[in-house]
């Protein structure tokens, strides 16, 4: 478990089972996809802060006839300092 400063960009996905939020966490050690249920309480935007990363692991899924491989970070907590609009 590490705590690291970074920026979390949250985007709302309009899926067939309803809307949900996903994030992309940019840090000094790399960029990670974040798919935690607690992201649903936030609006779309870019959030600066400190992030507690519990686990980093690869994940795969199929979408539109292709296989997607991504590196995911599981967050144990976060302290957000400000928000900017998505560009």
N, C-alpha and C. Protein backbone atom coordinates (compact mmCIF):
# COMPACT_ATOMS: atom_id res chain seq x y z
N UNK A 1 0.85 -1.17 0.00
CA UNK A 1 0.00 0.00 0.00
C UNK A 1 0.90 1.24 0.00
N UNK A 2 0.60 2.18 -0.92
CA UNK A 2 1.36 3.43 -0.99
C UNK A 2 0.38 4.60 -1.12
N UNK A 3 0.80 5.75 -0.63
CA UNK A 3 0.05 6.99 -0.83
C UNK A 3 0.87 7.87 -1.75
N UNK A 4 0.22 8.36 -2.82
CA UNK A 4 0.95 9.09 -3.85
C UNK A 4 0.07 10.23 -4.38
N UNK A 5 0.66 11.39 -4.65
CA UNK A 5 -0.12 12.47 -5.25
C UNK A 5 -0.37 12.18 -6.73
N UNK A 6 -1.47 12.70 -7.24
CA UNK A 6 -1.79 12.49 -8.64
C UNK A 6 -3.04 13.23 -9.04
N UNK A 7 -3.51 12.93 -10.25
CA UNK A 7 -4.74 13.52 -10.76
C UNK A 7 -5.65 12.41 -11.27
N UNK A 8 -6.90 12.43 -10.80
CA UNK A 8 -7.89 11.44 -11.19
C UNK A 8 -8.90 12.09 -12.12
N UNK A 9 -8.96 11.61 -13.36
CA UNK A 9 -9.95 12.10 -14.33
C UNK A 9 -11.13 11.13 -14.32
N UNK A 10 -12.30 11.63 -13.91
CA UNK A 10 -13.50 10.79 -13.82
C UNK A 10 -14.39 11.06 -15.01
N UNK A 11 -14.87 9.97 -15.63
CA UNK A 11 -15.75 10.06 -16.80
C UNK A 11 -16.96 9.16 -16.56
N UNK A 12 -18.14 9.61 -16.95
CA UNK A 12 -19.36 8.83 -16.82
C UNK A 12 -19.57 8.01 -18.09
N UNK A 13 -19.78 6.71 -17.92
CA UNK A 13 -20.05 5.79 -19.03
C UNK A 13 -21.54 5.49 -19.01
N UNK A 14 -22.16 5.58 -20.17
CA UNK A 14 -23.60 5.27 -20.30
C UNK A 14 -23.73 3.86 -20.87
N UNK A 15 -23.67 2.87 -19.97
CA UNK A 15 -23.70 1.47 -20.37
C UNK A 15 -25.11 0.93 -20.47
N UNK A 16 -25.24 -0.29 -20.97
CA UNK A 16 -26.57 -0.89 -21.15
C UNK A 16 -27.23 -1.20 -19.81
N UNK A 17 -26.43 -1.30 -18.73
CA UNK A 17 -26.98 -1.54 -17.40
C UNK A 17 -27.08 -0.26 -16.58
N UNK A 18 -26.98 0.90 -17.23
CA UNK A 18 -27.07 2.18 -16.53
C UNK A 18 -25.75 2.93 -16.53
N UNK A 19 -25.80 4.13 -15.98
CA UNK A 19 -24.62 4.98 -15.93
C UNK A 19 -23.69 4.57 -14.78
N UNK A 20 -22.38 4.69 -15.00
CA UNK A 20 -21.40 4.46 -13.96
C UNK A 20 -20.15 5.27 -14.29
N UNK A 21 -19.35 5.54 -13.27
CA UNK A 21 -18.14 6.33 -13.46
C UNK A 21 -16.90 5.45 -13.46
N UNK A 22 -15.94 5.83 -14.30
CA UNK A 22 -14.61 5.21 -14.30
C UNK A 22 -13.60 6.34 -14.21
N UNK A 23 -12.40 6.01 -13.75
CA UNK A 23 -11.38 7.03 -13.61
C UNK A 23 -10.07 6.61 -14.24
N UNK A 24 -9.27 7.59 -14.55
CA UNK A 24 -7.91 7.37 -15.02
C UNK A 24 -7.01 8.17 -14.09
N UNK A 25 -6.17 7.45 -13.34
CA UNK A 25 -5.30 8.06 -12.34
C UNK A 25 -3.91 8.26 -12.93
N UNK A 26 -3.47 9.52 -13.01
CA UNK A 26 -2.13 9.83 -13.50
C UNK A 26 -1.26 10.19 -12.31
N UNK A 27 -0.14 9.45 -12.14
CA UNK A 27 0.79 9.67 -11.04
C UNK A 27 2.21 9.69 -11.58
N UNK A 28 3.16 9.93 -10.69
CA UNK A 28 4.56 9.94 -11.10
C UNK A 28 5.08 8.54 -11.44
N UNK A 29 4.38 7.48 -10.99
CA UNK A 29 4.83 6.11 -11.28
C UNK A 29 4.07 5.47 -12.44
N UNK A 30 3.10 6.19 -13.02
CA UNK A 30 2.37 5.66 -14.17
C UNK A 30 0.91 6.07 -14.18
N UNK A 31 0.21 5.62 -15.22
CA UNK A 31 -1.22 5.87 -15.38
C UNK A 31 -1.97 4.58 -15.18
N UNK A 32 -3.09 4.67 -14.45
CA UNK A 32 -3.87 3.49 -14.10
C UNK A 32 -5.35 3.75 -14.30
N UNK A 33 -6.08 2.69 -14.61
CA UNK A 33 -7.54 2.76 -14.68
C UNK A 33 -8.08 2.46 -13.29
N UNK A 34 -9.10 3.22 -12.86
CA UNK A 34 -9.72 3.02 -11.55
C UNK A 34 -11.20 2.74 -11.78
N UNK A 35 -11.66 1.60 -11.29
CA UNK A 35 -13.07 1.23 -11.41
C UNK A 35 -13.60 0.84 -10.03
N UNK A 36 -13.71 1.84 -9.15
CA UNK A 36 -14.24 1.65 -7.81
C UNK A 36 -15.67 2.19 -7.76
N UNK A 37 -16.55 1.51 -7.06
CA UNK A 37 -17.95 1.94 -6.98
C UNK A 37 -18.09 3.32 -6.35
N UNK A 38 -17.17 3.71 -5.46
CA UNK A 38 -17.29 5.01 -4.81
C UNK A 38 -17.09 6.18 -5.77
N UNK A 39 -16.59 5.93 -6.98
CA UNK A 39 -16.45 7.00 -7.97
C UNK A 39 -17.80 7.51 -8.43
N UNK A 40 -18.86 6.72 -8.27
CA UNK A 40 -20.19 7.13 -8.73
C UNK A 40 -20.72 8.35 -7.99
N UNK A 41 -20.17 8.70 -6.83
CA UNK A 41 -20.65 9.85 -6.08
C UNK A 41 -20.06 11.17 -6.59
N UNK A 42 -19.11 11.10 -7.53
CA UNK A 42 -18.46 12.30 -8.04
C UNK A 42 -18.96 12.65 -9.44
N UNK A 43 -18.92 13.94 -9.78
CA UNK A 43 -19.25 14.41 -11.12
C UNK A 43 -18.03 14.24 -12.02
N UNK A 44 -18.27 14.26 -13.34
CA UNK A 44 -17.16 14.21 -14.28
C UNK A 44 -16.22 15.37 -14.03
N UNK A 45 -14.93 15.11 -14.15
CA UNK A 45 -13.95 16.17 -13.97
C UNK A 45 -12.59 15.60 -13.64
N UNK A 46 -11.63 16.50 -13.46
CA UNK A 46 -10.27 16.13 -13.09
C UNK A 46 -10.04 16.57 -11.65
N UNK A 47 -9.69 15.62 -10.80
CA UNK A 47 -9.50 15.86 -9.38
C UNK A 47 -8.04 15.66 -8.99
N UNK A 48 -7.42 16.69 -8.42
CA UNK A 48 -6.07 16.56 -7.87
C UNK A 48 -6.18 16.08 -6.43
N UNK A 49 -5.19 15.33 -5.97
CA UNK A 49 -5.21 14.89 -4.59
C UNK A 49 -4.16 13.85 -4.29
N UNK A 50 -4.31 13.24 -3.11
CA UNK A 50 -3.45 12.15 -2.67
C UNK A 50 -4.27 10.87 -2.69
N UNK A 51 -3.69 9.80 -3.22
CA UNK A 51 -4.42 8.56 -3.45
C UNK A 51 -3.71 7.40 -2.77
N UNK A 52 -4.46 6.58 -2.04
CA UNK A 52 -3.92 5.39 -1.39
C UNK A 52 -4.15 4.22 -2.34
N UNK A 53 -3.07 3.71 -2.92
CA UNK A 53 -3.16 2.58 -3.85
C UNK A 53 -2.89 1.30 -3.06
N UNK A 54 -3.89 0.43 -3.03
CA UNK A 54 -3.79 -0.84 -2.30
C UNK A 54 -3.20 -1.92 -3.19
N UNK A 55 -3.58 -1.89 -4.48
CA UNK A 55 -3.17 -2.96 -5.40
C UNK A 55 -3.11 -2.42 -6.81
N UNK A 56 -2.13 -2.89 -7.58
CA UNK A 56 -2.02 -2.60 -9.00
C UNK A 56 -1.97 -3.94 -9.71
N UNK A 57 -2.88 -4.12 -10.70
CA UNK A 57 -2.92 -5.41 -11.37
C UNK A 57 -3.46 -5.24 -12.80
N UNK A 58 -3.11 -6.16 -13.70
CA UNK A 58 -3.67 -6.11 -15.05
C UNK A 58 -5.10 -6.63 -15.06
N UNK A 59 -5.89 -6.15 -16.01
CA UNK A 59 -7.26 -6.62 -16.18
C UNK A 59 -7.57 -6.65 -17.67
N UNK A 60 -8.43 -7.58 -18.08
CA UNK A 60 -8.82 -7.69 -19.48
C UNK A 60 -10.33 -7.78 -19.59
N UNK A 61 -10.85 -7.31 -20.72
CA UNK A 61 -12.27 -7.47 -21.04
C UNK A 61 -12.44 -7.36 -22.55
N UNK A 62 -13.54 -7.89 -23.06
CA UNK A 62 -13.86 -7.83 -24.48
C UNK A 62 -14.83 -6.69 -24.73
N UNK A 63 -14.58 -5.90 -25.78
CA UNK A 63 -15.46 -4.80 -26.15
C UNK A 63 -15.44 -4.64 -27.66
N UNK A 64 -16.61 -4.68 -28.26
CA UNK A 64 -16.75 -4.46 -29.70
C UNK A 64 -15.84 -5.37 -30.52
N UNK A 65 -15.76 -6.62 -30.15
CA UNK A 65 -14.98 -7.59 -30.91
C UNK A 65 -13.48 -7.50 -30.71
N UNK A 66 -13.03 -6.81 -29.68
CA UNK A 66 -11.60 -6.74 -29.42
C UNK A 66 -11.34 -6.96 -27.94
N UNK A 67 -10.14 -7.41 -27.63
CA UNK A 67 -9.76 -7.62 -26.24
C UNK A 67 -8.99 -6.40 -25.74
N UNK A 68 -9.40 -5.87 -24.61
CA UNK A 68 -8.76 -4.69 -24.02
C UNK A 68 -7.97 -5.15 -22.79
N UNK A 69 -6.71 -4.76 -22.72
CA UNK A 69 -5.86 -5.05 -21.57
C UNK A 69 -5.50 -3.70 -20.94
N UNK A 70 -5.74 -3.57 -19.63
CA UNK A 70 -5.44 -2.32 -18.95
C UNK A 70 -4.82 -2.61 -17.59
N UNK A 71 -4.11 -1.63 -17.05
CA UNK A 71 -3.52 -1.74 -15.72
C UNK A 71 -4.44 -0.98 -14.77
N UNK A 72 -4.98 -1.69 -13.77
CA UNK A 72 -5.92 -1.08 -12.83
C UNK A 72 -5.27 -0.87 -11.47
N UNK A 73 -5.67 0.21 -10.83
CA UNK A 73 -5.26 0.49 -9.45
C UNK A 73 -6.50 0.41 -8.58
N UNK A 74 -6.41 -0.35 -7.49
CA UNK A 74 -7.50 -0.41 -6.52
C UNK A 74 -7.17 0.59 -5.42
N UNK A 75 -8.07 1.55 -5.19
CA UNK A 75 -7.82 2.60 -4.22
C UNK A 75 -8.39 2.22 -2.86
N UNK A 76 -7.59 2.49 -1.82
CA UNK A 76 -8.04 2.28 -0.45
C UNK A 76 -8.58 3.56 0.15
N UNK A 77 -8.36 4.67 -0.52
CA UNK A 77 -8.85 5.97 -0.06
C UNK A 77 -8.24 7.08 -0.88
N UNK A 78 -8.81 8.28 -0.75
CA UNK A 78 -8.27 9.42 -1.47
C UNK A 78 -8.67 10.71 -0.76
N UNK A 79 -7.78 11.69 -0.88
CA UNK A 79 -8.04 13.03 -0.36
C UNK A 79 -7.94 13.97 -1.55
N UNK A 80 -9.08 14.58 -1.93
CA UNK A 80 -9.12 15.43 -3.12
C UNK A 80 -8.98 16.89 -2.73
N UNK A 81 -8.26 17.66 -3.58
CA UNK A 81 -8.01 19.06 -3.25
C UNK A 81 -8.76 20.03 -4.16
N UNK A 82 -8.89 19.77 -5.44
CA UNK A 82 -9.65 20.66 -6.32
C UNK A 82 -10.13 19.90 -7.55
N UNK A 83 -11.04 20.54 -8.31
CA UNK A 83 -11.63 19.93 -9.50
C UNK A 83 -11.51 20.87 -10.69
N UNK A 84 -11.21 20.31 -11.86
CA UNK A 84 -11.23 21.02 -13.12
C UNK A 84 -12.17 20.29 -14.05
N UNK A 85 -12.73 21.02 -15.02
CA UNK A 85 -13.63 20.40 -15.99
C UNK A 85 -12.83 19.49 -16.91
N UNK A 86 -13.46 18.42 -17.41
CA UNK A 86 -12.83 17.54 -18.39
C UNK A 86 -12.67 18.29 -19.69
N UNK A 87 -11.56 18.05 -20.39
CA UNK A 87 -11.35 18.68 -21.68
C UNK A 87 -11.25 17.61 -22.75
